[in-house]
């Protein structure tokens, strides 16, 4: 299971930090990732982190977002800086090879 929090309304240029508490699997052994989905679009992988802390980002967020993890707390994070209106979406976390079970996601709205 995945429980995402931290979304909200933020002005362009602002920052948010999303958190995802994971359970039901061996978190330490799995790659984790953040995804986002807007209505009418496919769910998009935007950031991933391996169990050895190797990270990778989609071009659309590279340089603005930072993914990290805390293996003690079974939590993945997404620090989002310099937010743009086009980042408005629902953000989800899952494993790097995603489970069929998704959390509720957390909604991020970037608007003045």
PDB file of N, CA and C in Angstrom:
ATOM      1  N   UNK A   1       0.835  -1.194   0.000  1.00  0.00           N
ATOM      2  CA  UNK A   1       0.000   0.000   0.000  1.00  0.00           C
ATOM      3  C   UNK A   1       0.870   1.244   0.000  1.00  0.00           C
ATOM      4  N   UNK A   2       0.272   2.310  -0.514  1.00  0.00           N
ATOM      5  CA  UNK A   2       0.993   3.569  -0.615  1.00  0.00           C
ATOM      6  C   UNK A   2       0.086   4.702  -0.128  1.00  0.00           C
ATOM      7  N   UNK A   3       0.613   5.550   0.728  1.00  0.00           N
ATOM      8  CA  UNK A   3      -0.152   6.679   1.253  1.00  0.00           C
ATOM      9  C   UNK A   3       0.616   7.955   0.966  1.00  0.00           C
ATOM     10  N   UNK A   4       0.131   8.701  -0.013  1.00  0.00           N
ATOM     11  CA  UNK A   4       0.802   9.928  -0.433  1.00  0.00           C
ATOM     12  C   UNK A   4       0.192  11.128   0.271  1.00  0.00           C
ATOM     13  N   UNK A   5       1.038  12.027   0.699  1.00  0.00           N
ATOM     14  CA  UNK A   5       0.599  13.278   1.320  1.00  0.00           C
ATOM     15  C   UNK A   5       1.505  14.418   0.869  1.00  0.00           C
ATOM     16  N   UNK A   6       1.067  15.634   1.182  1.00  0.00           N
ATOM     17  CA  UNK A   6       1.919  16.789   0.945  1.00  0.00           C
ATOM     18  C   UNK A   6       1.504  17.686  -0.192  1.00  0.00           C
ATOM     19  N   UNK A   7       0.492  17.286  -0.935  1.00  0.00           N
ATOM     20  CA  UNK A   7       0.053  18.126  -2.040  1.00  0.00           C
ATOM     21  C   UNK A   7      -0.695  19.352  -1.541  1.00  0.00           C
ATOM     22  N   UNK A   8      -1.077  20.202  -2.479  1.00  0.00           N
ATOM     23  CA  UNK A   8      -1.817  21.402  -2.133  1.00  0.00           C
ATOM     24  C   UNK A   8      -1.760  22.426  -3.235  1.00  0.00           C
ATOM     25  N   UNK A   9      -2.199  23.611  -2.898  1.00  0.00           N
ATOM     26  CA  UNK A   9      -2.184  24.731  -3.829  1.00  0.00           C
ATOM     27  C   UNK A   9      -0.931  25.562  -3.589  1.00  0.00           C
ATOM     28  N   UNK A  10      -0.202  25.831  -4.646  1.00  0.00           N
ATOM     29  CA  UNK A  10       1.033  26.601  -4.519  1.00  0.00           C
ATOM     30  C   UNK A  10       1.140  27.537  -5.712  1.00  0.00           C
ATOM     31  N   UNK A  11       1.752  28.675  -5.494  1.00  0.00           N
ATOM     32  CA  UNK A  11       1.930  29.630  -6.584  1.00  0.00           C
ATOM     33  C   UNK A  11       3.073  29.189  -7.500  1.00  0.00           C
ATOM     34  N   UNK A  12       3.037  29.595  -8.743  1.00  0.00           N
ATOM     35  CA  UNK A  12       4.174  29.309  -9.637  1.00  0.00           C
ATOM     36  C   UNK A  12       5.481  29.790  -9.016  1.00  0.00           C
ATOM     37  N   UNK A  13       6.502  28.950  -9.138  1.00  0.00           N
ATOM     38  CA  UNK A  13       7.783  29.261  -8.526  1.00  0.00           C
ATOM     39  C   UNK A  13       7.939  28.738  -7.116  1.00  0.00           C
ATOM     40  N   UNK A  14       6.845  28.269  -6.536  1.00  0.00           N
ATOM     41  CA  UNK A  14       6.870  27.764  -5.176  1.00  0.00           C
ATOM     42  C   UNK A  14       7.389  26.340  -5.082  1.00  0.00           C
ATOM     43  N   UNK A  15       7.336  25.809  -3.864  1.00  0.00           N
ATOM     44  CA  UNK A  15       7.858  24.477  -3.590  1.00  0.00           C
ATOM     45  C   UNK A  15       6.859  23.671  -2.774  1.00  0.00           C
ATOM     46  N   UNK A  16       6.946  22.375  -2.929  1.00  0.00           N
ATOM     47  CA  UNK A  16       6.194  21.419  -2.108  1.00  0.00           C
ATOM     48  C   UNK A  16       7.076  20.200  -1.883  1.00  0.00           C
ATOM     49  N   UNK A  17       6.807  19.516  -0.787  1.00  0.00           N
ATOM     50  CA  UNK A  17       7.486  18.244  -0.529  1.00  0.00           C
ATOM     51  C   UNK A  17       6.430  17.176  -0.327  1.00  0.00           C
ATOM     52  N   UNK A  18       6.419  16.204  -1.202  1.00  0.00           N
ATOM     53  CA  UNK A  18       5.484  15.097  -1.107  1.00  0.00           C
ATOM     54  C   UNK A  18       6.136  13.948  -0.337  1.00  0.00           C
ATOM     55  N   UNK A  19       5.296  13.229   0.394  1.00  0.00           N
ATOM     56  CA  UNK A  19       5.753  12.056   1.133  1.00  0.00           C
ATOM     57  C   UNK A  19       4.892  10.862   0.758  1.00  0.00           C
ATOM     58  N   UNK A  20       5.475   9.692   0.834  1.00  0.00           N
ATOM     59  CA  UNK A  20       4.763   8.454   0.536  1.00  0.00           C
ATOM     60  C   UNK A  20       5.212   7.388   1.514  1.00  0.00           C
ATOM     61  N   UNK A  21       4.304   6.984   2.370  1.00  0.00           N
ATOM     62  CA  UNK A  21       4.583   5.885   3.283  1.00  0.00           C
ATOM     63  C   UNK A  21       4.120   4.594   2.622  1.00  0.00           C
ATOM     64  N   UNK A  22       5.035   3.653   2.514  1.00  0.00           N
ATOM     65  CA  UNK A  22       4.749   2.392   1.837  1.00  0.00           C
ATOM     66  C   UNK A  22       4.677   1.255   2.846  1.00  0.00           C
ATOM     67  N   UNK A  23       3.889   0.253   2.538  1.00  0.00           N
ATOM     68  CA  UNK A  23       3.776  -0.897   3.418  1.00  0.00           C
ATOM     69  C   UNK A  23       3.400  -2.119   2.595  1.00  0.00           C
ATOM     70  N   UNK A  24       3.622  -3.289   3.181  1.00  0.00           N
ATOM     71  CA  UNK A  24       3.197  -4.528   2.544  1.00  0.00           C
ATOM     72  C   UNK A  24       4.248  -5.208   1.696  1.00  0.00           C
ATOM     73  N   UNK A  25       5.443  -4.645   1.671  1.00  0.00           N
ATOM     74  CA  UNK A  25       6.532  -5.275   0.930  1.00  0.00           C
ATOM     75  C   UNK A  25       7.842  -4.827   1.558  1.00  0.00           C
ATOM     76  N   UNK A  26       8.928  -5.432   1.115  1.00  0.00           N
ATOM     77  CA  UNK A  26      10.240  -5.110   1.669  1.00  0.00           C
ATOM     78  C   UNK A  26      10.765  -3.840   1.014  1.00  0.00           C
ATOM     79  N   UNK A  27      10.453  -2.720   1.632  1.00  0.00           N
ATOM     80  CA  UNK A  27      10.772  -1.406   1.066  1.00  0.00           C
ATOM     81  C   UNK A  27      12.258  -1.279   0.748  1.00  0.00           C
ATOM     82  N   UNK A  28      13.090  -1.773   1.635  1.00  0.00           N
ATOM     83  CA  UNK A  28      14.543  -1.607   1.471  1.00  0.00           C
ATOM     84  C   UNK A  28      15.072  -2.234   0.187  1.00  0.00           C
ATOM     85  N   UNK A  29      14.359  -3.222  -0.316  1.00  0.00           N
ATOM     86  CA  UNK A  29      14.863  -3.998  -1.449  1.00  0.00           C
ATOM     87  C   UNK A  29      14.323  -3.499  -2.783  1.00  0.00           C
ATOM     88  N   UNK A  30      13.430  -2.538  -2.761  1.00  0.00           N
ATOM     89  CA  UNK A  30      12.716  -2.144  -3.978  1.00  0.00           C
ATOM     90  C   UNK A  30      13.078  -0.742  -4.440  1.00  0.00           C
ATOM     91  N   UNK A  31      13.134  -0.582  -5.754  1.00  0.00           N
ATOM     92  CA  UNK A  31      13.156   0.770  -6.299  1.00  0.00           C
ATOM     93  C   UNK A  31      11.803   1.408  -6.075  1.00  0.00           C
ATOM     94  N   UNK A  32      11.814   2.710  -5.871  1.00  0.00           N
ATOM     95  CA  UNK A  32      10.588   3.466  -5.692  1.00  0.00           C
ATOM     96  C   UNK A  32      10.524   4.558  -6.753  1.00  0.00           C
ATOM     97  N   UNK A  33       9.320   5.011  -7.020  1.00  0.00           N
ATOM     98  CA  UNK A  33       9.153   6.023  -8.061  1.00  0.00           C
ATOM     99  C   UNK A  33       7.946   6.894  -7.775  1.00  0.00           C
ATOM    100  N   UNK A  34       7.992   8.072  -8.329  1.00  0.00           N
ATOM    101  CA  UNK A  34       6.845   8.973  -8.315  1.00  0.00           C
ATOM    102  C   UNK A  34       6.285   9.082  -9.730  1.00  0.00           C
ATOM    103  N   UNK A  35       4.975   9.136  -9.783  1.00  0.00           N
ATOM    104  CA  UNK A  35       4.255   9.220 -11.039  1.00  0.00           C
ATOM    105  C   UNK A  35       3.264  10.377 -10.920  1.00  0.00           C
ATOM    106  N   UNK A  36       2.776  10.837 -12.053  1.00  0.00           N
ATOM    107  CA  UNK A  36       1.694  11.810 -12.005  1.00  0.00           C
ATOM    108  C   UNK A  36       0.732  11.531 -13.146  1.00  0.00           C
ATOM    109  N   UNK A  37      -0.489  11.962 -12.928  1.00  0.00           N
ATOM    110  CA  UNK A  37      -1.529  11.741 -13.937  1.00  0.00           C
ATOM    111  C   UNK A  37      -2.489  12.908 -13.927  1.00  0.00           C
ATOM    112  N   UNK A  38      -2.723  13.461 -15.107  1.00  0.00           N
ATOM    113  CA  UNK A  38      -3.735  14.490 -15.282  1.00  0.00           C
ATOM    114  C   UNK A  38      -4.912  13.877 -16.022  1.00  0.00           C
ATOM    115  N   UNK A  39      -6.109  14.427 -15.863  1.00  0.00           N
ATOM    116  CA  UNK A  39      -7.292  13.855 -16.523  1.00  0.00           C
ATOM    117  C   UNK A  39      -7.077  13.720 -18.023  1.00  0.00           C
ATOM    118  N   UNK A  40      -7.429  12.543 -18.535  1.00  0.00           N
ATOM    119  CA  UNK A  40      -7.321  12.313 -19.965  1.00  0.00           C
ATOM    120  C   UNK A  40      -5.939  11.904 -20.428  1.00  0.00           C
ATOM    121  N   UNK A  41      -5.006  11.790 -19.494  1.00  0.00           N
ATOM    122  CA  UNK A  41      -3.633  11.433 -19.851  1.00  0.00           C
ATOM    123  C   UNK A  41      -3.225  10.136 -19.173  1.00  0.00           C
ATOM    124  N   UNK A  42      -2.212   9.508 -19.733  1.00  0.00           N
ATOM    125  CA  UNK A  42      -1.631   8.320 -19.113  1.00  0.00           C
ATOM    126  C   UNK A  42      -0.842   8.718 -17.865  1.00  0.00           C
ATOM    127  N   UNK A  43      -0.751   7.793 -16.950  1.00  0.00           N
ATOM    128  CA  UNK A  43       0.097   8.013 -15.786  1.00  0.00           C
ATOM    129  C   UNK A  43       1.555   8.041 -16.241  1.00  0.00           C
ATOM    130  N   UNK A  44       2.284   9.037 -15.768  1.00  0.00           N
ATOM    131  CA  UNK A  44       3.646   9.302 -16.246  1.00  0.00           C
ATOM    132  C   UNK A  44       4.641   9.106 -15.109  1.00  0.00           C
ATOM    133  N   UNK A  45       5.701   8.357 -15.376  1.00  0.00           N
ATOM    134  CA  UNK A  45       6.771   8.203 -14.404  1.00  0.00           C
ATOM    135  C   UNK A  45       7.657   9.446 -14.473  1.00  0.00           C
ATOM    136  N   UNK A  46       7.863  10.101 -13.332  1.00  0.00           N
ATOM    137  CA  UNK A  46       8.632  11.338 -13.347  1.00  0.00           C
ATOM    138  C   UNK A  46       9.934  11.259 -12.566  1.00  0.00           C
ATOM    139  N   UNK A  47      10.037  10.336 -11.623  1.00  0.00           N
ATOM    140  CA  UNK A  47      11.276  10.238 -10.842  1.00  0.00           C
ATOM    141  C   UNK A  47      11.367   8.851 -10.239  1.00  0.00           C
ATOM    142  N   UNK A  48      12.577   8.301 -10.216  1.00  0.00           N
ATOM    143  CA  UNK A  48      12.782   6.991  -9.636  1.00  0.00           C
ATOM    144  C   UNK A  48      14.046   6.953  -8.814  1.00  0.00           C
ATOM    145  N   UNK A  49      14.045   6.065  -7.824  1.00  0.00           N
ATOM    146  CA  UNK A  49      15.224   5.886  -6.985  1.00  0.00           C
ATOM    147  C   UNK A  49      15.371   4.399  -6.688  1.00  0.00           C
ATOM    148  N   UNK A  50      16.567   3.880  -6.907  1.00  0.00           N
ATOM    149  CA  UNK A  50      16.800   2.465  -6.645  1.00  0.00           C
ATOM    150  C   UNK A  50      17.046   2.237  -5.152  1.00  0.00           C
ATOM    151  N   UNK A  51      17.181   0.973  -4.787  1.00  0.00           N
ATOM    152  CA  UNK A  51      17.476   0.661  -3.385  1.00  0.00           C
ATOM    153  C   UNK A  51      18.923   1.008  -3.035  1.00  0.00           C
ATOM    154  N   UNK A  52      19.699   1.417  -4.030  1.00  0.00           N
ATOM    155  CA  UNK A  52      21.059   1.912  -3.780  1.00  0.00           C
ATOM    156  C   UNK A  52      21.146   3.425  -3.969  1.00  0.00           C
ATOM    157  N   UNK A  53      19.988   4.077  -3.971  1.00  0.00           N
ATOM    158  CA  UNK A  53      19.902   5.541  -4.051  1.00  0.00           C
ATOM    159  C   UNK A  53      20.359   6.113  -5.388  1.00  0.00           C
ATOM    160  N   UNK A  54      20.323   5.325  -6.428  1.00  0.00           N
ATOM    161  CA  UNK A  54      20.557   5.858  -7.773  1.00  0.00           C
ATOM    162  C   UNK A  54      19.248   6.477  -8.236  1.00  0.00           C
ATOM    163  N   UNK A  55      19.339   7.673  -8.798  1.00  0.00           N
ATOM    164  CA  UNK A  55      18.115   8.403  -9.144  1.00  0.00           C
ATOM    165  C   UNK A  55      18.070   8.692 -10.640  1.00  0.00           C
ATOM    166  N   UNK A  56      16.855   8.875 -11.110  1.00  0.00           N
ATOM    167  CA  UNK A  56      16.623   9.214 -12.500  1.00  0.00           C
ATOM    168  C   UNK A  56      15.352  10.041 -12.590  1.00  0.00           C
ATOM    169  N   UNK A  57      15.341  11.009 -13.524  1.00  0.00           N
ATOM    170  CA  UNK A  57      14.210  11.914 -13.653  1.00  0.00           C
ATOM    171  C   UNK A  57      13.742  12.015 -15.095  1.00  0.00           C
ATOM    172  N   UNK A  58      12.464  12.272 -15.244  1.00  0.00           N
ATOM    173  CA  UNK A  58      11.957  12.629 -16.562  1.00  0.00           C
ATOM    174  C   UNK A  58      12.506  13.994 -16.938  1.00  0.00           C
ATOM    175  N   UNK A  59      12.688  14.216 -18.227  1.00  0.00           N
ATOM    176  CA  UNK A  59      13.232  15.494 -18.678  1.00  0.00           C
ATOM    177  C   UNK A  59      12.382  16.668 -18.199  1.00  0.00           C
ATOM    178  N   UNK A  60      11.087  16.444 -18.094  1.00  0.00           N
ATOM    179  CA  UNK A  60      10.160  17.530 -17.752  1.00  0.00           C
ATOM    180  C   UNK A  60      10.353  18.059 -16.339  1.00  0.00           C
ATOM    181  N   UNK A  61      10.994  17.273 -15.467  1.00  0.00           N
ATOM    182  CA  UNK A  61      11.155  17.700 -14.072  1.00  0.00           C
ATOM    183  C   UNK A  61      12.614  17.752 -13.637  1.00  0.00           C
ATOM    184  N   UNK A  62      13.508  17.312 -14.488  1.00  0.00           N
ATOM    185  CA  UNK A  62      14.922  17.277 -14.126  1.00  0.00           C
ATOM    186  C   UNK A  62      15.414  18.671 -13.755  1.00  0.00           C
ATOM    187  N   UNK A  63      16.109  18.759 -12.653  1.00  0.00           N
ATOM    188  CA  UNK A  63      16.628  20.034 -12.183  1.00  0.00           C
ATOM    189  C   UNK A  63      15.681  20.769 -11.253  1.00  0.00           C
ATOM    190  N   UNK A  64      14.431  20.328 -11.205  1.00  0.00           N
ATOM    191  CA  UNK A  64      13.431  20.981 -10.339  1.00  0.00           C
ATOM    192  C   UNK A  64      12.994  20.068  -9.202  1.00  0.00           C
ATOM    193  N   UNK A  65      12.946  18.762  -9.450  1.00  0.00           N
ATOM    194  CA  UNK A  65      12.464  17.781  -8.483  1.00  0.00           C
ATOM    195  C   UNK A  65      13.625  16.936  -7.977  1.00  0.00           C
ATOM    196  N   UNK A  66      13.515  16.532  -6.707  1.00  0.00           N
ATOM    197  CA  UNK A  66      14.501  15.631  -6.106  1.00  0.00           C
ATOM    198  C   UNK A  66      13.773  14.513  -5.389  1.00  0.00           C
ATOM    199  N   UNK A  67      14.093  13.292  -5.759  1.00  0.00           N
ATOM    200  CA  UNK A  67      13.507  12.130  -5.098  1.00  0.00           C
ATOM    201  C   UNK A  67      14.491  11.615  -4.054  1.00  0.00           C
ATOM    202  N   UNK A  68      13.960  11.152  -2.938  1.00  0.00           N
ATOM    203  CA  UNK A  68      14.796  10.572  -1.889  1.00  0.00           C
ATOM    204  C   UNK A  68      13.980   9.523  -1.150  1.00  0.00           C
ATOM    205  N   UNK A  69      14.644   8.807  -0.258  1.00  0.00           N
ATOM    206  CA  UNK A  69      13.954   7.750   0.476  1.00  0.00           C
ATOM    207  C   UNK A  69      14.546   7.614   1.866  1.00  0.00           C
ATOM    208  N   UNK A  70      13.727   7.131   2.772  1.00  0.00           N
ATOM    209  CA  UNK A  70      14.143   6.831   4.134  1.00  0.00           C
ATOM    210  C   UNK A  70      13.752   5.389   4.400  1.00  0.00           C
ATOM    211  N   UNK A  71      14.725   4.509   4.392  1.00  0.00           N
ATOM    212  CA  UNK A  71      14.434   3.082   4.526  1.00  0.00           C
ATOM    213  C   UNK A  71      14.036   2.692   5.937  1.00  0.00           C
ATOM    214  N   UNK A  72      14.316   3.528   6.911  1.00  0.00           N
ATOM    215  CA  UNK A  72      13.870   3.265   8.286  1.00  0.00           C
ATOM    216  C   UNK A  72      12.376   3.541   8.404  1.00  0.00           C
ATOM    217  N   UNK A  73      11.937   4.604   7.765  1.00  0.00           N
ATOM    218  CA  UNK A  73      10.524   5.012   7.839  1.00  0.00           C
ATOM    219  C   UNK A  73       9.682   4.454   6.693  1.00  0.00           C
ATOM    220  N   UNK A  74      10.289   3.671   5.808  1.00  0.00           N
ATOM    221  CA  UNK A  74       9.557   3.141   4.641  1.00  0.00           C
ATOM    222  C   UNK A  74       8.859   4.266   3.878  1.00  0.00           C
ATOM    223  N   UNK A  75       9.580   5.346   3.687  1.00  0.00           N
ATOM    224  CA  UNK A  75       8.983   6.543   3.099  1.00  0.00           C
ATOM    225  C   UNK A  75       9.820   7.046   1.930  1.00  0.00           C
ATOM    226  N   UNK A  76       9.136   7.408   0.874  1.00  0.00           N
ATOM    227  CA  UNK A  76       9.760   8.068  -0.264  1.00  0.00           C
ATOM    228  C   UNK A  76       9.305   9.517  -0.289  1.00  0.00           C
ATOM    229  N   UNK A  77      10.167  10.378  -0.767  1.00  0.00           N
ATOM    230  CA  UNK A  77       9.877  11.806  -0.800  1.00  0.00           C
ATOM    231  C   UNK A  77      10.082  12.350  -2.209  1.00  0.00           C
ATOM    232  N   UNK A  78       9.383  13.434  -2.486  1.00  0.00           N
ATOM    233  CA  UNK A  78       9.615  14.166  -3.730  1.00  0.00           C
ATOM    234  C   UNK A  78       9.629  15.648  -3.391  1.00  0.00           C
ATOM    235  N   UNK A  79      10.800  16.231  -3.429  1.00  0.00           N
ATOM    236  CA  UNK A  79      10.932  17.674  -3.238  1.00  0.00           C
ATOM    237  C   UNK A  79      10.742  18.350  -4.582  1.00  0.00           C
ATOM    238  N   UNK A  80       9.784  19.248  -4.640  1.00  0.00           N
ATOM    239  CA  UNK A  80       9.400  19.894  -5.889  1.00  0.00           C
ATOM    240  C   UNK A  80       9.666  21.389  -5.757  1.00  0.00           C
ATOM    241  N   UNK A  81      10.565  21.902  -6.554  1.00  0.00           N
ATOM    242  CA  UNK A  81      10.930  23.317  -6.517  1.00  0.00           C
ATOM    243  C   UNK A  81      10.623  23.987  -7.850  1.00  0.00           C
ATOM    244  N   UNK A  82      10.554  25.309  -7.807  1.00  0.00           N
ATOM    245  CA  UNK A  82      10.329  26.097  -9.031  1.00  0.00           C
ATOM    246  C   UNK A  82       9.152  25.548  -9.824  1.00  0.00           C
ATOM    247  N   UNK A  83       8.060  25.377  -9.135  1.00  0.00           N
ATOM    248  CA  UNK A  83       6.895  24.723  -9.743  1.00  0.00           C
ATOM    249  C   UNK A  83       6.285  25.571 -10.854  1.00  0.00           C
ATOM    250  N   UNK A  84       5.821  24.883 -11.869  1.00  0.00           N
ATOM    251  CA  UNK A  84       5.181  25.498 -13.028  1.00  0.00           C
ATOM    252  C   UNK A  84       3.712  25.098 -13.071  1.00  0.00           C
ATOM    253  N   UNK A  85       2.860  25.924 -13.657  1.00  0.00           N
ATOM    254  CA  UNK A  85       1.436  25.569 -13.747  1.00  0.00           C
ATOM    255  C   UNK A  85       1.204  24.208 -14.417  1.00  0.00           C
ATOM    256  N   UNK A  86       2.061  23.850 -15.361  1.00  0.00           N
ATOM    257  CA  UNK A  86       1.859  22.569 -16.044  1.00  0.00           C
ATOM    258  C   UNK A  86       2.186  21.364 -15.155  1.00  0.00           C
ATOM    259  N   UNK A  87       2.674  21.605 -13.961  1.00  0.00           N
ATOM    260  CA  UNK A  87       2.909  20.508 -13.024  1.00  0.00           C
ATOM    261  C   UNK A  87       1.647  20.162 -12.227  1.00  0.00           C
ATOM    262  N   UNK A  88       0.588  20.906 -12.452  1.00  0.00           N
ATOM    263  CA  UNK A  88      -0.677  20.592 -11.797  1.00  0.00           C
ATOM    264  C   UNK A  88      -1.114  19.199 -12.195  1.00  0.00           C
ATOM    265  N   UNK A  89      -1.312  18.346 -11.187  1.00  0.00           N
ATOM    266  CA  UNK A  89      -1.606  16.947 -11.464  1.00  0.00           C
ATOM    267  C   UNK A  89      -1.882  16.241 -10.142  1.00  0.00           C
ATOM    268  N   UNK A  90      -2.246  14.977 -10.228  1.00  0.00           N
ATOM    269  CA  UNK A  90      -2.281  14.109  -9.059  1.00  0.00           C
ATOM    270  C   UNK A  90      -1.011  13.271  -9.075  1.00  0.00           C
ATOM    271  N   UNK A  91      -0.318  13.273  -7.964  1.00  0.00           N
ATOM    272  CA  UNK A  91       0.960  12.591  -7.849  1.00  0.00           C
ATOM    273  C   UNK A  91       0.815  11.320  -7.022  1.00  0.00           C
ATOM    274  N   UNK A  92       1.413  10.262  -7.532  1.00  0.00           N
ATOM    275  CA  UNK A  92       1.352   8.956  -6.907  1.00  0.00           C
ATOM    276  C   UNK A  92       2.764   8.410  -6.702  1.00  0.00           C
ATOM    277  N   UNK A  93       2.896   7.556  -5.709  1.00  0.00           N
ATOM    278  CA  UNK A  93       4.144   6.793  -5.624  1.00  0.00           C
ATOM    279  C   UNK A  93       3.809   5.312  -5.776  1.00  0.00           C
ATOM    280  N   UNK A  94       4.813   4.570  -6.157  1.00  0.00           N
ATOM    281  CA  UNK A  94       4.686   3.126  -6.307  1.00  0.00           C
ATOM    282  C   UNK A  94       6.112   2.594  -6.427  1.00  0.00           C
ATOM    283  N   UNK A  95       6.228   1.314  -6.603  1.00  0.00           N
ATOM    284  CA  UNK A  95       7.538   0.756  -6.859  1.00  0.00           C
ATOM    285  C   UNK A  95       7.983   1.148  -8.267  1.00  0.00           C
ATOM    286  N   UNK A  96       9.273   0.985  -8.515  1.00  0.00           N
ATOM    287  CA  UNK A  96       9.788   1.300  -9.839  1.00  0.00           C
ATOM    288  C   UNK A  96       9.151   0.436 -10.923  1.00  0.00           C
ATOM    289  N   UNK A  97       8.927  -0.833 -10.588  1.00  0.00           N
ATOM    290  CA  UNK A  97       8.080  -1.694 -11.426  1.00  0.00           C
ATOM    291  C   UNK A  97       6.749  -1.737 -10.695  1.00  0.00           C
ATOM    292  N   UNK A  98       5.821  -0.915 -11.095  1.00  0.00           N
ATOM    293  CA  UNK A  98       4.690  -0.627 -10.212  1.00  0.00           C
ATOM    294  C   UNK A  98       3.784  -1.808  -9.915  1.00  0.00           C
ATOM    295  N   UNK A  99       3.365  -1.838  -8.673  1.00  0.00           N
ATOM    296  CA  UNK A  99       2.332  -2.760  -8.245  1.00  0.00           C
ATOM    297  C   UNK A  99       1.011  -2.382  -8.898  1.00  0.00           C
ATOM    298  N   UNK A 100       0.104  -3.347  -9.002  1.00  0.00           N
ATOM    299  CA  UNK A 100      -1.224  -3.063  -9.543  1.00  0.00           C
ATOM    300  C   UNK A 100      -2.058  -2.233  -8.583  1.00  0.00           C
ATOM    301  N   UNK A 101      -1.645  -2.186  -7.331  1.00  0.00           N
ATOM    302  CA  UNK A 101      -2.400  -1.446  -6.313  1.00  0.00           C
ATOM    303  C   UNK A 101      -1.782  -0.073  -6.146  1.00  0.00           C
ATOM    304  N   UNK A 102      -2.584   0.955  -6.364  1.00  0.00           N
ATOM    305  CA  UNK A 102      -2.125   2.339  -6.246  1.00  0.00           C
ATOM    306  C   UNK A 102      -2.799   3.015  -5.063  1.00  0.00           C
ATOM    307  N   UNK A 103      -2.130   4.001  -4.521  1.00  0.00           N
ATOM    308  CA  UNK A 103      -2.726   4.803  -3.472  1.00  0.00           C
ATOM    309  C   UNK A 103      -3.691   5.828  -4.048  1.00  0.00           C
ATOM    310  N   UNK A 104      -4.181   6.692  -3.171  1.00  0.00           N
ATOM    311  CA  UNK A 104      -5.127   7.728  -3.583  1.00  0.00           C
ATOM    312  C   UNK A 104      -4.446   8.871  -4.323  1.00  0.00           C
ATOM    313  N   UNK A 105      -3.140   8.966  -4.140  1.00  0.00           N
ATOM    314  CA  UNK A 105      -2.425  10.086  -4.727  1.00  0.00           C
ATOM    315  C   UNK A 105      -2.610  11.355  -3.909  1.00  0.00           C
ATOM    316  N   UNK A 106      -1.849  12.355  -4.268  1.00  0.00           N
ATOM    317  CA  UNK A 106      -1.979  13.661  -3.622  1.00  0.00           C
ATOM    318  C   UNK A 106      -2.012  14.720  -4.720  1.00  0.00           C
ATOM    319  N   UNK A 107      -2.968  15.609  -4.616  1.00  0.00           N
ATOM    320  CA  UNK A 107      -3.190  16.580  -5.684  1.00  0.00           C
ATOM    321  C   UNK A 107      -2.313  17.806  -5.499  1.00  0.00           C
ATOM    322  N   UNK A 108      -1.642  18.177  -6.574  1.00  0.00           N
ATOM    323  CA  UNK A 108      -0.820  19.385  -6.597  1.00  0.00           C
ATOM    324  C   UNK A 108      -1.423  20.348  -7.610  1.00  0.00           C
ATOM    325  N   UNK A 109      -1.699  21.543  -7.144  1.00  0.00           N
ATOM    326  CA  UNK A 109      -2.231  22.587  -8.031  1.00  0.00           C
ATOM    327  C   UNK A 109      -1.289  23.773  -7.995  1.00  0.00           C
ATOM    328  N   UNK A 110      -0.769  24.127  -9.148  1.00  0.00           N
ATOM    329  CA  UNK A 110       0.147  25.269  -9.255  1.00  0.00           C
ATOM    330  C   UNK A 110      -0.589  26.375  -9.995  1.00  0.00           C
ATOM    331  N   UNK A 111      -0.927  27.399  -9.248  1.00  0.00           N
ATOM    332  CA  UNK A 111      -1.738  28.466  -9.823  1.00  0.00           C
ATOM    333  C   UNK A 111      -1.549  29.746  -9.031  1.00  0.00           C
ATOM    334  N   UNK A 112      -1.625  30.854  -9.750  1.00  0.00           N
ATOM    335  CA  UNK A 112      -1.567  32.151  -9.082  1.00  0.00           C
ATOM    336  C   UNK A 112      -2.932  32.528  -8.522  1.00  0.00           C
TER     337      UNK A 112
END
